[in-house]
Structure formats: C-alpha cells, structure tokens
C-alpha cells in the first residue's frame, strides 16, 4: 500500500505518537493491541490508557491467552512512556513506522486464571508466573478513522483510529520459547471521556481475501 492507500483520511504522522496532554475535563488517551495465533494458541489483549488524575501515568490491563482456555493477566501503572509510544514498567509499546509497524514488548509476570473464572468473578491475588513476549504488529489494511480527526482538533475533540494488522514474534513461558504469527488489530484514541452513561460496546473488523 502506498501512502495514500494506507492513510486515506490523511492523519498526520504525529497522530500515531502519544498526543500532547490537554487541560480539559476527563481528557485521556488510549492505545489498544489485540492479536492471536491459532496454531500456537497464544495471544494478547492490551488496553493502555492515561490516568485522568495524572496523564503522565499509563495504566495497562493485559491478558495473555494460553492453551486450554487459560490466561495470564496483569494490571500495571507506570510513567515509562516515551516520544514514540506508551510504557509502564515491564511493558513498552513503540511506533517503529507510522501507519505500518509497531512493536509490543513485555518482560514481567502474570496471574493464571481460566476464561470461565474471569467471566464470572473478580480476580483475587494469587501466585504470579514469569512470561515475556516480543511482538510486531504490521499493517494488513489501511488506517480506519474519520476526516474530523485532524491534528488541530484531535485532542480536544475525540480522535480515534483503528487498523487490522499481521502479528509475528515470539513469547517465552514455562522455560520454552515459542514462535508466533497471526492476525490482530490496534487502535488509538484521545479526548475527553465520560464512562457514566456507557453500558457496553462492541465492534467488528473484517478483512476479506481480496483485501477489502
């Protein structure tokens, strides 16, 4: 894909990087990365946002999918963000090439839970397991967004972009290193947020064999 095809709404290069903090009520910024490899039975889901009370603090929640409907989960807080992406302690996310390539790196621990437990109860403290992964999210489709998400208005309004990606890399767990590749999605948003009236939401992204 050329520059026009991968970025049809004309988002600025700077829109991919962490946005300048805006002094507005409930202003925040979020990154989301989700991907899965059906062969390795491994995947991740990371939702990482700024704290409204202190936007220099990033707060990621992390789910790492393992075989047999098990997961390792973690919640972090940290000020390890940088000019090209967010970060919190053992988690670092970096934009390598805007609109085309991101790295997601983690070297820490997670708490083992089952999918059914996670859906039915609050996770309580339990022993932690070491795990690490090094993953690349590479563009498989154009950026999806809105013409309204222009540089001058993105942070005081509501900026939102999404993109279907290919996933590749490796993870280390239980003394073994596993190669992984699959598909995923990422998104990036900023602006004031009020979760009070929200009961839930759902979205779908599909890429067909012809590229649509």
N, C-alpha and C. Protein backbone atom coordinates (compact mmCIF):
# COMPACT_ATOMS: atom_id res chain seq x y z
N UNK A 1 0.83 -1.20 0.00
CA UNK A 1 0.00 0.00 0.00
C UNK A 1 0.87 1.25 0.00
N UNK A 2 0.54 2.20 -0.87
CA UNK A 2 1.28 3.46 -0.86
C UNK A 2 0.73 4.36 0.25
N UNK A 3 1.31 5.57 0.36
CA UNK A 3 0.97 6.46 1.47
C UNK A 3 -0.51 6.84 1.47
N UNK A 4 -1.07 7.09 0.28
CA UNK A 4 -2.48 7.48 0.19
C UNK A 4 -3.40 6.32 0.53
N UNK A 5 -3.03 5.11 0.13
CA UNK A 5 -3.88 3.94 0.37
C UNK A 5 -3.90 3.55 1.84
N UNK A 6 -2.75 3.64 2.51
CA UNK A 6 -2.69 3.20 3.90
C UNK A 6 -3.24 4.24 4.86
N UNK A 7 -3.34 5.48 4.40
CA UNK A 7 -3.80 6.58 5.26
C UNK A 7 -4.82 7.42 4.52
N UNK A 8 -5.98 6.84 4.19
CA UNK A 8 -6.95 7.54 3.32
C UNK A 8 -7.57 8.77 3.95
N UNK A 9 -7.56 8.90 5.26
CA UNK A 9 -8.15 10.06 5.90
C UNK A 9 -7.14 11.16 6.16
N UNK A 10 -5.89 10.93 5.76
CA UNK A 10 -4.88 11.97 5.87
C UNK A 10 -4.47 12.30 7.28
N UNK A 11 -4.44 11.29 8.16
CA UNK A 11 -3.96 11.54 9.52
C UNK A 11 -2.50 11.96 9.48
N UNK A 12 -2.11 12.83 10.38
CA UNK A 12 -0.72 13.26 10.44
C UNK A 12 0.15 12.15 11.02
N UNK A 13 1.44 12.18 10.70
CA UNK A 13 2.37 11.22 11.29
C UNK A 13 2.35 11.34 12.81
N UNK A 14 2.26 12.58 13.31
CA UNK A 14 2.27 12.81 14.76
C UNK A 14 1.08 12.16 15.46
N UNK A 15 -0.01 11.94 14.73
CA UNK A 15 -1.19 11.35 15.36
C UNK A 15 -0.94 9.94 15.86
N UNK A 16 0.05 9.26 15.32
CA UNK A 16 0.38 7.91 15.75
C UNK A 16 1.08 7.90 17.11
N UNK A 17 1.81 8.94 17.41
CA UNK A 17 2.57 9.01 18.65
C UNK A 17 1.68 9.51 19.80
N UNK A 18 2.13 9.38 21.06
CA UNK A 18 1.35 9.93 22.16
C UNK A 18 1.03 11.41 21.94
N UNK A 19 -0.21 11.78 22.18
CA UNK A 19 -0.66 13.13 21.92
C UNK A 19 -0.30 14.07 23.08
N UNK A 20 -0.11 15.34 22.81
CA UNK A 20 0.12 16.30 23.89
C UNK A 20 -1.04 16.30 24.88
N UNK A 21 -0.72 16.35 26.15
CA UNK A 21 -1.75 16.36 27.18
C UNK A 21 -2.55 17.67 27.11
N UNK A 22 -3.86 17.56 27.18
CA UNK A 22 -4.74 18.72 27.09
C UNK A 22 -5.41 18.95 28.44
N UNK A 23 -5.41 20.19 28.90
CA UNK A 23 -6.06 20.54 30.17
C UNK A 23 -7.56 20.67 29.92
N UNK A 24 -8.25 19.54 29.88
CA UNK A 24 -9.69 19.52 29.69
C UNK A 24 -10.28 18.45 30.59
N UNK A 25 -11.48 18.65 31.06
CA UNK A 25 -12.12 17.72 31.98
C UNK A 25 -12.22 16.33 31.35
N UNK A 26 -11.78 15.33 32.12
CA UNK A 26 -11.85 13.92 31.71
C UNK A 26 -11.04 13.61 30.46
N UNK A 27 -10.07 14.47 30.10
CA UNK A 27 -9.25 14.16 28.93
C UNK A 27 -8.33 12.97 29.23
N UNK A 28 -8.21 12.07 28.28
CA UNK A 28 -7.31 10.93 28.41
C UNK A 28 -6.92 10.44 27.02
N UNK A 29 -6.12 9.39 26.98
CA UNK A 29 -5.63 8.83 25.72
C UNK A 29 -5.46 7.33 25.91
N UNK A 30 -5.79 6.56 24.88
CA UNK A 30 -5.74 5.11 24.98
C UNK A 30 -5.08 4.48 23.75
N UNK A 31 -4.34 3.41 24.00
CA UNK A 31 -3.86 2.51 22.94
C UNK A 31 -4.43 1.12 23.21
N UNK A 32 -4.71 0.38 22.14
CA UNK A 32 -5.24 -0.98 22.27
C UNK A 32 -4.55 -1.87 21.24
N UNK A 33 -4.07 -3.02 21.70
CA UNK A 33 -3.46 -4.02 20.82
C UNK A 33 -4.03 -5.39 21.17
N UNK A 34 -4.54 -6.09 20.16
CA UNK A 34 -5.07 -7.43 20.36
C UNK A 34 -4.67 -8.29 19.18
N UNK A 35 -4.20 -9.51 19.46
CA UNK A 35 -3.82 -10.42 18.39
C UNK A 35 -3.80 -11.86 18.88
N UNK A 36 -3.90 -12.80 17.92
CA UNK A 36 -3.97 -14.21 18.31
C UNK A 36 -3.36 -15.08 17.21
N UNK A 37 -2.69 -16.14 17.65
CA UNK A 37 -2.12 -17.16 16.77
C UNK A 37 -2.84 -18.47 17.08
N UNK A 38 -3.67 -18.95 16.15
CA UNK A 38 -4.46 -20.16 16.40
C UNK A 38 -3.58 -21.41 16.48
N UNK A 39 -2.47 -21.43 15.76
CA UNK A 39 -1.60 -22.60 15.81
C UNK A 39 -0.86 -22.69 17.14
N UNK A 40 -0.30 -21.57 17.59
CA UNK A 40 0.43 -21.56 18.87
C UNK A 40 -0.51 -21.48 20.06
N UNK A 41 -1.79 -21.17 19.80
CA UNK A 41 -2.77 -20.96 20.87
C UNK A 41 -2.27 -19.92 21.86
N UNK A 42 -1.77 -18.83 21.31
CA UNK A 42 -1.25 -17.74 22.12
C UNK A 42 -1.75 -16.43 21.55
N UNK A 43 -2.08 -15.50 22.44
CA UNK A 43 -2.49 -14.18 22.00
C UNK A 43 -2.39 -13.19 23.13
N UNK A 44 -2.61 -11.92 22.80
CA UNK A 44 -2.58 -10.86 23.80
C UNK A 44 -3.75 -9.92 23.59
N UNK A 45 -4.13 -9.25 24.65
CA UNK A 45 -5.08 -8.15 24.59
C UNK A 45 -4.58 -7.11 25.58
N UNK A 46 -4.22 -5.95 25.09
CA UNK A 46 -3.66 -4.89 25.92
C UNK A 46 -4.49 -3.62 25.73
N UNK A 47 -5.03 -3.10 26.80
CA UNK A 47 -5.72 -1.81 26.79
C UNK A 47 -4.95 -0.90 27.72
N UNK A 48 -4.43 0.20 27.18
CA UNK A 48 -3.48 1.03 27.91
C UNK A 48 -3.90 2.49 27.82
N UNK A 49 -4.24 3.08 28.95
CA UNK A 49 -4.71 4.45 28.94
C UNK A 49 -4.01 5.33 29.96
N UNK A 50 -4.13 6.63 29.76
CA UNK A 50 -3.60 7.59 30.72
C UNK A 50 -4.58 7.74 31.89
N UNK A 51 -4.03 7.92 33.08
CA UNK A 51 -4.88 8.25 34.21
C UNK A 51 -5.39 9.68 34.07
N UNK A 52 -6.67 9.89 34.28
CA UNK A 52 -7.22 11.24 34.21
C UNK A 52 -6.60 12.13 35.28
N UNK A 53 -6.38 11.55 36.48
CA UNK A 53 -5.83 12.34 37.59
C UNK A 53 -4.40 12.78 37.35
N UNK A 54 -3.64 12.00 36.57
CA UNK A 54 -2.26 12.33 36.24
C UNK A 54 -1.95 11.70 34.88
N UNK A 55 -2.10 12.44 33.79
CA UNK A 55 -1.95 11.87 32.45
C UNK A 55 -0.53 11.39 32.12
N UNK A 56 0.44 11.67 32.99
CA UNK A 56 1.79 11.13 32.72
C UNK A 56 1.87 9.66 33.15
N UNK A 57 0.86 9.16 33.86
CA UNK A 57 0.83 7.77 34.31
C UNK A 57 0.02 6.94 33.32
N UNK A 58 0.62 5.86 32.79
CA UNK A 58 -0.07 4.92 31.91
C UNK A 58 -0.55 3.74 32.73
N UNK A 59 -1.76 3.26 32.44
CA UNK A 59 -2.36 2.15 33.18
C UNK A 59 -2.80 1.07 32.19
N UNK A 60 -1.95 0.07 31.94
CA UNK A 60 -2.37 -1.03 31.06
C UNK A 60 -3.00 -2.19 31.82
N UNK A 61 -4.02 -2.77 31.22
CA UNK A 61 -4.52 -4.08 31.63
C UNK A 61 -4.14 -5.05 30.54
N UNK A 62 -3.61 -6.21 30.92
CA UNK A 62 -3.02 -7.15 29.96
C UNK A 62 -3.61 -8.53 30.16
N UNK A 63 -4.08 -9.13 29.08
CA UNK A 63 -4.48 -10.53 29.08
C UNK A 63 -3.61 -11.28 28.08
N UNK A 64 -2.99 -12.36 28.51
CA UNK A 64 -2.17 -13.21 27.64
C UNK A 64 -2.85 -14.56 27.54
N UNK A 65 -3.30 -14.91 26.33
CA UNK A 65 -4.07 -16.13 26.12
C UNK A 65 -3.15 -17.33 25.97
N UNK A 66 -3.43 -18.38 26.73
CA UNK A 66 -2.68 -19.62 26.70
C UNK A 66 -3.60 -20.76 26.24
N UNK A 67 -3.03 -21.93 25.92
CA UNK A 67 -3.88 -23.07 25.54
C UNK A 67 -4.83 -23.47 26.67
N UNK A 68 -5.86 -24.23 26.29
CA UNK A 68 -6.82 -24.81 27.23
C UNK A 68 -7.64 -23.76 27.97
N UNK A 69 -7.94 -22.66 27.28
CA UNK A 69 -8.82 -21.63 27.85
C UNK A 69 -8.25 -21.01 29.13
N UNK A 70 -6.92 -20.97 29.22
CA UNK A 70 -6.28 -20.33 30.37
C UNK A 70 -5.63 -19.02 29.93
N UNK A 71 -5.44 -18.13 30.89
CA UNK A 71 -4.84 -16.83 30.62
C UNK A 71 -3.89 -16.47 31.75
N UNK A 72 -2.94 -15.58 31.42
CA UNK A 72 -2.18 -14.86 32.42
C UNK A 72 -2.62 -13.40 32.33
N UNK A 73 -2.94 -12.79 33.48
CA UNK A 73 -3.45 -11.42 33.47
C UNK A 73 -2.59 -10.55 34.38
N UNK A 74 -2.53 -9.26 34.03
CA UNK A 74 -1.75 -8.31 34.82
C UNK A 74 -2.34 -6.92 34.66
N UNK A 75 -2.20 -6.10 35.69
CA UNK A 75 -2.58 -4.69 35.63
C UNK A 75 -1.43 -3.88 36.18
N UNK A 76 -1.02 -2.85 35.45
CA UNK A 76 0.18 -2.10 35.80
C UNK A 76 -0.12 -0.60 35.86
N UNK A 77 0.79 0.13 36.48
CA UNK A 77 0.79 1.59 36.42
C UNK A 77 2.25 2.03 36.28
N UNK A 78 2.51 3.02 35.45
CA UNK A 78 3.89 3.48 35.33
C UNK A 78 4.01 4.73 34.47
N UNK A 79 5.17 5.38 34.61
CA UNK A 79 5.47 6.59 33.85
C UNK A 79 6.57 6.32 32.83
N UNK A 80 6.53 5.15 32.19
CA UNK A 80 7.59 4.75 31.27
C UNK A 80 7.26 5.02 29.81
N UNK A 81 6.29 5.89 29.55
CA UNK A 81 6.00 6.28 28.19
C UNK A 81 7.15 7.08 27.59
N UNK A 82 7.19 7.13 26.26
CA UNK A 82 8.26 7.86 25.58
C UNK A 82 7.68 8.56 24.36
N UNK A 83 8.54 9.22 23.59
CA UNK A 83 8.05 10.06 22.49
C UNK A 83 7.31 9.27 21.42
N UNK A 84 7.60 7.95 21.30
CA UNK A 84 7.04 7.16 20.21
C UNK A 84 6.06 6.11 20.68
N UNK A 85 5.64 6.16 21.95
CA UNK A 85 4.66 5.20 22.40
C UNK A 85 4.52 5.18 23.91
N UNK A 86 3.51 4.48 24.41
CA UNK A 86 3.28 4.40 25.85
C UNK A 86 4.11 3.30 26.50
N UNK A 87 4.27 3.36 27.82
CA UNK A 87 5.01 2.34 28.54
C UNK A 87 4.66 2.36 30.01
N UNK A 88 4.79 1.19 30.63
CA UNK A 88 4.57 1.08 32.08
C UNK A 88 5.37 -0.10 32.59
N UNK A 89 6.47 0.19 33.26
CA UNK A 89 7.33 -0.83 33.88
C UNK A 89 7.73 -1.90 32.87
N UNK A 90 7.24 -3.18 32.98
CA UNK A 90 7.75 -4.22 32.07
C UNK A 90 7.14 -4.17 30.67
N UNK A 91 6.22 -3.24 30.40
CA UNK A 91 5.56 -3.15 29.10
C UNK A 91 6.01 -1.90 28.35
N UNK A 92 6.43 -2.08 27.10
CA UNK A 92 6.83 -0.95 26.27
C UNK A 92 6.26 -1.14 24.88
N UNK A 93 5.59 -0.11 24.39
CA UNK A 93 4.99 -0.13 23.06
C UNK A 93 5.60 1.01 22.25
N UNK A 94 6.02 0.72 21.01
CA UNK A 94 6.74 1.70 20.21
C UNK A 94 6.24 1.71 18.77
N UNK A 95 6.01 2.91 18.25
CA UNK A 95 5.72 3.08 16.82
C UNK A 95 7.05 3.10 16.07
N UNK A 96 7.29 2.07 15.27
CA UNK A 96 8.53 1.99 14.50
C UNK A 96 8.39 2.74 13.18
N UNK A 97 7.27 2.54 12.50
CA UNK A 97 6.98 3.25 11.25
C UNK A 97 5.51 3.63 11.26
N UNK A 98 5.19 4.92 11.34
CA UNK A 98 3.78 5.32 11.44
C UNK A 98 2.91 4.69 10.36
N UNK A 99 1.74 4.22 10.78
CA UNK A 99 0.73 3.58 9.94
C UNK A 99 1.10 2.18 9.47
N UNK A 100 2.34 1.72 9.78
CA UNK A 100 2.79 0.46 9.20
C UNK A 100 3.36 -0.55 10.19
N UNK A 101 4.04 -0.11 11.25
CA UNK A 101 4.74 -1.10 12.07
C UNK A 101 4.86 -0.61 13.52
N UNK A 102 4.47 -1.50 14.46
CA UNK A 102 4.59 -1.24 15.89
C UNK A 102 5.24 -2.44 16.57
N UNK A 103 5.96 -2.18 17.66
CA UNK A 103 6.49 -3.26 18.49
C UNK A 103 5.81 -3.22 19.85
N UNK A 104 5.54 -4.41 20.39
CA UNK A 104 4.93 -4.56 21.71
C UNK A 104 5.80 -5.53 22.49
N UNK A 105 6.41 -5.05 23.59
CA UNK A 105 7.37 -5.85 24.34
C UNK A 105 6.96 -5.92 25.81
N UNK A 106 7.05 -7.11 26.37
CA UNK A 106 6.69 -7.31 27.77
C UNK A 106 7.65 -8.32 28.38
N UNK A 107 8.14 -8.03 29.58
CA UNK A 107 9.01 -8.95 30.31
C UNK A 107 8.65 -8.82 31.79
N UNK A 108 7.68 -9.63 32.22
CA UNK A 108 7.18 -9.48 33.58
C UNK A 108 6.50 -10.75 34.06
N UNK A 109 5.39 -10.58 34.76
CA UNK A 109 4.67 -11.71 35.33
C UNK A 109 3.17 -11.53 35.10
N UNK A 110 2.45 -12.65 35.21
CA UNK A 110 1.01 -12.62 35.11
C UNK A 110 0.40 -13.64 36.05
N UNK A 111 -0.85 -13.43 36.37
CA UNK A 111 -1.58 -14.33 37.25
C UNK A 111 -2.44 -15.27 36.41
N UNK A 112 -2.33 -16.58 36.64
CA UNK A 112 -3.07 -17.56 35.85
C UNK A 112 -4.53 -17.62 36.29
N UNK A 113 -5.42 -17.54 35.31
CA UNK A 113 -6.85 -17.69 35.53
C UNK A 113 -7.44 -18.47 34.35
N UNK A 114 -8.62 -19.02 34.54
CA UNK A 114 -9.33 -19.65 33.44
C UNK A 114 -10.29 -18.64 32.83
N UNK A 115 -10.67 -18.89 31.60
CA UNK A 115 -11.61 -17.99 30.94
C UNK A 115 -12.94 -17.93 31.70
N UNK A 116 -13.43 -19.08 32.16
CA UNK A 116 -14.71 -19.10 32.85
C UNK A 116 -14.64 -18.32 34.17
N UNK A 117 -13.53 -18.47 34.90
CA UNK A 117 -13.38 -17.71 36.14
C UNK A 117 -13.35 -16.21 35.87
N UNK A 118 -12.65 -15.84 34.82
CA UNK A 118 -12.50 -14.42 34.50
C UNK A 118 -13.85 -13.80 34.14
N UNK A 119 -14.74 -14.59 33.56
CA UNK A 119 -16.05 -14.08 33.17
C UNK A 119 -17.04 -14.03 34.33
N UNK A 120 -16.75 -14.72 35.44
CA UNK A 120 -17.74 -14.89 36.48
C UNK A 120 -17.39 -14.25 37.82
N UNK A 121 -16.12 -13.87 38.02
CA UNK A 121 -15.77 -13.34 39.33
C UNK A 121 -14.62 -12.36 39.22
N UNK A 122 -14.43 -11.61 40.30
CA UNK A 122 -13.31 -10.69 40.38
C UNK A 122 -12.03 -11.49 40.66
N UNK A 123 -10.96 -11.19 39.93
CA UNK A 123 -9.70 -11.90 40.13
C UNK A 123 -9.07 -11.47 41.45
N UNK A 124 -8.73 -12.46 42.28
CA UNK A 124 -8.10 -12.20 43.56
C UNK A 124 -6.60 -12.45 43.47
N UNK A 125 -5.85 -11.98 44.47
CA UNK A 125 -4.41 -12.19 44.49
C UNK A 125 -4.08 -13.69 44.45
N UNK A 126 -3.02 -14.02 43.72
CA UNK A 126 -2.59 -15.41 43.59
C UNK A 126 -1.13 -15.40 43.15
N UNK A 127 -0.44 -16.55 43.18
CA UNK A 127 0.94 -16.61 42.71
C UNK A 127 1.08 -16.14 41.26
N UNK A 128 2.20 -15.52 40.95
CA UNK A 128 2.46 -14.97 39.62
C UNK A 128 3.44 -15.85 38.86
N UNK A 129 3.33 -15.84 37.52
CA UNK A 129 4.20 -16.63 36.66
C UNK A 129 4.98 -15.71 35.72
N UNK A 130 6.28 -15.94 35.55
CA UNK A 130 7.06 -15.14 34.60
C UNK A 130 6.62 -15.42 33.16
N UNK A 131 6.58 -14.39 32.36
CA UNK A 131 6.29 -14.52 30.94
C UNK A 131 6.86 -13.29 30.22
N UNK A 132 7.29 -13.47 28.99
CA UNK A 132 7.76 -12.35 28.19
C UNK A 132 7.36 -12.58 26.74
N UNK A 133 7.21 -11.48 26.01
CA UNK A 133 6.96 -11.60 24.58
C UNK A 133 7.51 -10.39 23.85
N UNK A 134 7.87 -10.61 22.60
CA UNK A 134 8.35 -9.58 21.69
C UNK A 134 7.56 -9.74 20.41
N UNK A 135 6.67 -8.79 20.12
CA UNK A 135 5.74 -8.93 19.01
C UNK A 135 5.79 -7.70 18.11
N UNK A 136 5.57 -7.93 16.82
CA UNK A 136 5.43 -6.85 15.85
C UNK A 136 4.01 -6.87 15.30
N UNK A 137 3.39 -5.69 15.26
CA UNK A 137 2.09 -5.51 14.61
C UNK A 137 2.34 -4.76 13.31
N UNK A 138 2.15 -5.46 12.19
CA UNK A 138 2.44 -4.89 10.87
C UNK A 138 1.13 -4.67 10.11
N UNK A 139 1.00 -3.51 9.47
CA UNK A 139 -0.25 -3.15 8.80
C UNK A 139 -0.66 -4.21 7.79
N UNK A 140 -1.93 -4.63 7.87
CA UNK A 140 -2.51 -5.54 6.89
C UNK A 140 -3.66 -4.87 6.15
N UNK A 141 -4.00 -3.66 6.55
CA UNK A 141 -5.11 -2.92 5.95
C UNK A 141 -4.89 -1.43 6.24
N UNK A 142 -5.61 -0.55 5.56
CA UNK A 142 -5.45 0.88 5.81
C UNK A 142 -5.92 1.28 7.20
N UNK A 143 -5.44 2.44 7.65
CA UNK A 143 -5.95 3.07 8.86
C UNK A 143 -7.43 3.41 8.64
N UNK A 144 -8.25 3.12 9.64
CA UNK A 144 -9.65 3.50 9.60
C UNK A 144 -9.86 4.63 10.60
N UNK A 145 -10.51 5.69 10.16
CA UNK A 145 -10.73 6.82 11.04
C UNK A 145 -11.83 7.71 10.50
N UNK A 146 -11.71 9.01 10.80
CA UNK A 146 -12.69 9.98 10.33
C UNK A 146 -11.97 11.22 9.82
N UNK A 147 -12.57 11.92 8.88
CA UNK A 147 -11.99 13.16 8.41
C UNK A 147 -11.94 14.21 9.50
N UNK A 148 -12.83 14.07 10.49
CA UNK A 148 -12.88 15.05 11.59
C UNK A 148 -11.66 14.94 12.49
N UNK A 149 -10.95 13.81 12.43
CA UNK A 149 -9.80 13.61 13.32
C UNK A 149 -8.56 14.25 12.73
N UNK A 150 -8.55 15.56 12.69
CA UNK A 150 -7.43 16.31 12.13
C UNK A 150 -6.51 16.74 13.27
N UNK A 151 -5.25 17.04 12.96
CA UNK A 151 -4.29 17.35 14.03
C UNK A 151 -4.75 18.46 14.98
N UNK A 152 -5.36 19.53 14.45
CA UNK A 152 -5.71 20.66 15.31
C UNK A 152 -6.87 20.33 16.23
N UNK A 153 -7.70 19.37 15.88
CA UNK A 153 -8.89 19.10 16.67
C UNK A 153 -8.87 17.79 17.42
N UNK A 154 -7.84 16.97 17.21
CA UNK A 154 -7.91 15.60 17.68
C UNK A 154 -7.94 15.48 19.20
N UNK A 155 -7.20 16.33 19.92
CA UNK A 155 -7.06 16.14 21.36
C UNK A 155 -8.15 16.81 22.17
N UNK A 156 -8.79 17.83 21.62
CA UNK A 156 -9.87 18.48 22.34
C UNK A 156 -11.21 17.94 21.90
N UNK A 157 -11.24 17.18 20.82
CA UNK A 157 -12.45 16.52 20.37
C UNK A 157 -12.39 15.07 20.74
N UNK A 158 -12.42 14.20 19.74
CA UNK A 158 -12.35 12.77 20.02
C UNK A 158 -11.65 12.08 18.86
N UNK A 159 -10.35 11.94 18.96
CA UNK A 159 -9.57 11.25 17.93
C UNK A 159 -9.71 9.75 18.11
N UNK A 160 -9.85 9.02 16.98
CA UNK A 160 -9.93 7.56 17.04
C UNK A 160 -9.48 7.00 15.71
N UNK A 161 -8.50 6.11 15.75
CA UNK A 161 -8.07 5.39 14.54
C UNK A 161 -7.95 3.90 14.87
N UNK A 162 -8.18 3.05 13.86
CA UNK A 162 -8.09 1.61 14.02
C UNK A 162 -7.37 1.02 12.81
N UNK A 163 -6.80 -0.18 13.00
CA UNK A 163 -6.10 -0.82 11.89
C UNK A 163 -5.98 -2.33 12.12
N UNK A 164 -6.31 -3.11 11.09
CA UNK A 164 -6.08 -4.55 11.11
C UNK A 164 -4.61 -4.80 10.81
N UNK A 165 -3.99 -5.72 11.56
CA UNK A 165 -2.55 -5.95 11.45
C UNK A 165 -2.23 -7.44 11.37
N UNK A 166 -1.04 -7.73 10.86
CA UNK A 166 -0.44 -9.06 11.00
C UNK A 166 0.41 -9.06 12.26
N UNK A 167 0.47 -10.19 12.90
CA UNK A 167 1.19 -10.34 14.16
C UNK A 167 2.30 -11.36 13.97
N UNK A 168 3.51 -11.04 14.44
CA UNK A 168 4.60 -12.01 14.41
C UNK A 168 5.58 -11.70 15.53
N UNK A 169 6.31 -12.73 15.96
CA UNK A 169 7.29 -12.54 17.01
C UNK A 169 7.48 -13.83 17.79
N UNK A 170 7.70 -13.70 19.10
CA UNK A 170 7.88 -14.88 19.94
C UNK A 170 7.47 -14.56 21.37
N UNK A 171 7.20 -15.62 22.14
CA UNK A 171 6.96 -15.45 23.56
C UNK A 171 7.69 -16.54 24.32
N UNK A 172 8.05 -16.23 25.55
CA UNK A 172 8.77 -17.16 26.42
C UNK A 172 7.92 -17.43 27.66
N UNK A 173 7.64 -18.71 27.90
CA UNK A 173 6.82 -19.07 29.06
C UNK A 173 7.13 -20.50 29.47
N UNK A 174 7.20 -20.74 30.76
CA UNK A 174 7.40 -22.08 31.30
C UNK A 174 8.69 -22.72 30.76
N UNK A 175 9.73 -21.89 30.61
CA UNK A 175 11.03 -22.40 30.19
C UNK A 175 11.19 -22.65 28.71
N UNK A 176 10.20 -22.27 27.90
CA UNK A 176 10.27 -22.53 26.46
C UNK A 176 10.02 -21.25 25.68
N UNK A 177 10.65 -21.16 24.50
CA UNK A 177 10.43 -20.04 23.59
C UNK A 177 9.58 -20.54 22.42
N UNK A 178 8.53 -19.81 22.10
CA UNK A 178 7.60 -20.20 21.04
C UNK A 178 7.53 -19.09 19.99
N UNK A 179 7.65 -19.45 18.72
CA UNK A 179 7.41 -18.50 17.65
C UNK A 179 5.91 -18.33 17.47
N UNK A 180 5.50 -17.15 17.06
CA UNK A 180 4.07 -16.90 16.91
C UNK A 180 3.82 -15.96 15.73
N UNK A 181 2.72 -16.23 15.02
CA UNK A 181 2.28 -15.33 13.95
C UNK A 181 0.77 -15.50 13.78
N UNK A 182 0.12 -14.40 13.47
CA UNK A 182 -1.32 -14.45 13.33
C UNK A 182 -1.84 -13.10 12.87
N UNK A 183 -3.07 -12.79 13.25
CA UNK A 183 -3.68 -11.51 12.90
C UNK A 183 -4.14 -10.80 14.16
N UNK A 184 -4.28 -9.50 14.05
CA UNK A 184 -4.72 -8.73 15.20
C UNK A 184 -5.25 -7.38 14.77
N UNK A 185 -5.40 -6.51 15.74
CA UNK A 185 -5.91 -5.17 15.49
C UNK A 185 -5.31 -4.23 16.52
N UNK A 186 -5.20 -2.99 16.15
CA UNK A 186 -4.76 -1.96 17.10
C UNK A 186 -5.66 -0.76 16.93
N UNK A 187 -5.76 0.04 18.00
CA UNK A 187 -6.43 1.33 17.85
C UNK A 187 -5.79 2.34 18.79
N UNK A 188 -6.12 3.61 18.55
CA UNK A 188 -5.53 4.73 19.28
C UNK A 188 -6.61 5.81 19.37
N UNK A 189 -6.80 6.35 20.56
CA UNK A 189 -7.83 7.37 20.74
C UNK A 189 -7.39 8.37 21.79
N UNK A 190 -7.95 9.56 21.69
CA UNK A 190 -7.72 10.57 22.72
C UNK A 190 -8.89 11.52 22.76
N UNK A 191 -9.03 12.22 23.89
CA UNK A 191 -10.10 13.18 24.06
C UNK A 191 -10.79 12.98 25.39
N UNK A 192 -11.72 13.86 25.75
CA UNK A 192 -12.48 13.70 27.00
C UNK A 192 -13.35 12.45 26.95
N UNK A 193 -13.44 11.73 28.07
CA UNK A 193 -14.26 10.53 28.14
C UNK A 193 -15.11 10.56 29.41
N UNK A 194 -16.37 10.21 29.25
CA UNK A 194 -17.27 10.07 30.38
C UNK A 194 -17.91 8.69 30.27
N UNK A 195 -17.51 7.79 31.16
CA UNK A 195 -18.00 6.42 31.10
C UNK A 195 -19.34 6.24 31.80
N UNK A 196 -19.85 7.30 32.42
CA UNK A 196 -21.09 7.19 33.19
C UNK A 196 -22.25 6.58 32.42
N UNK A 197 -22.56 7.08 31.21
CA UNK A 197 -23.74 6.55 30.50
C UNK A 197 -23.48 5.29 29.68
N UNK A 198 -22.26 4.75 29.71
CA UNK A 198 -21.92 3.61 28.85
C UNK A 198 -22.28 2.30 29.53
N UNK A 199 -23.10 1.48 28.88
CA UNK A 199 -23.45 0.15 29.38
C UNK A 199 -22.55 -0.92 28.76
N UNK A 200 -22.01 -0.66 27.57
CA UNK A 200 -21.15 -1.62 26.90
C UNK A 200 -21.02 -1.24 25.44
N UNK A 201 -20.08 -1.86 24.77
CA UNK A 201 -19.92 -1.60 23.35
C UNK A 201 -19.29 -2.81 22.67
N UNK A 202 -19.36 -2.83 21.37
CA UNK A 202 -18.83 -3.96 20.60
C UNK A 202 -18.48 -3.47 19.21
N UNK A 203 -17.38 -3.96 18.64
CA UNK A 203 -17.07 -3.61 17.25
C UNK A 203 -16.47 -4.80 16.55
N UNK A 204 -16.63 -4.81 15.22
CA UNK A 204 -16.11 -5.89 14.39
C UNK A 204 -15.23 -5.29 13.30
N UNK A 205 -14.17 -6.01 12.96
CA UNK A 205 -13.31 -5.63 11.85
C UNK A 205 -13.06 -6.87 11.01
N UNK A 206 -13.22 -6.78 9.72
CA UNK A 206 -13.09 -7.93 8.85
C UNK A 206 -12.24 -7.56 7.64
N UNK A 207 -11.33 -8.45 7.28
CA UNK A 207 -10.57 -8.26 6.05
C UNK A 207 -10.80 -9.49 5.16
N UNK A 208 -11.21 -9.26 3.93
CA UNK A 208 -11.52 -10.33 3.01
C UNK A 208 -10.30 -10.69 2.16
N UNK A 209 -10.38 -11.81 1.48
CA UNK A 209 -9.23 -12.29 0.71
C UNK A 209 -8.82 -11.32 -0.39
N UNK A 210 -9.77 -10.52 -0.91
CA UNK A 210 -9.43 -9.56 -1.96
C UNK A 210 -8.84 -8.27 -1.41
N UNK A 211 -8.66 -8.21 -0.08
CA UNK A 211 -8.05 -7.02 0.52
C UNK A 211 -9.03 -6.04 1.11
N UNK A 212 -10.32 -6.15 0.78
CA UNK A 212 -11.33 -5.24 1.34
C UNK A 212 -11.46 -5.47 2.85
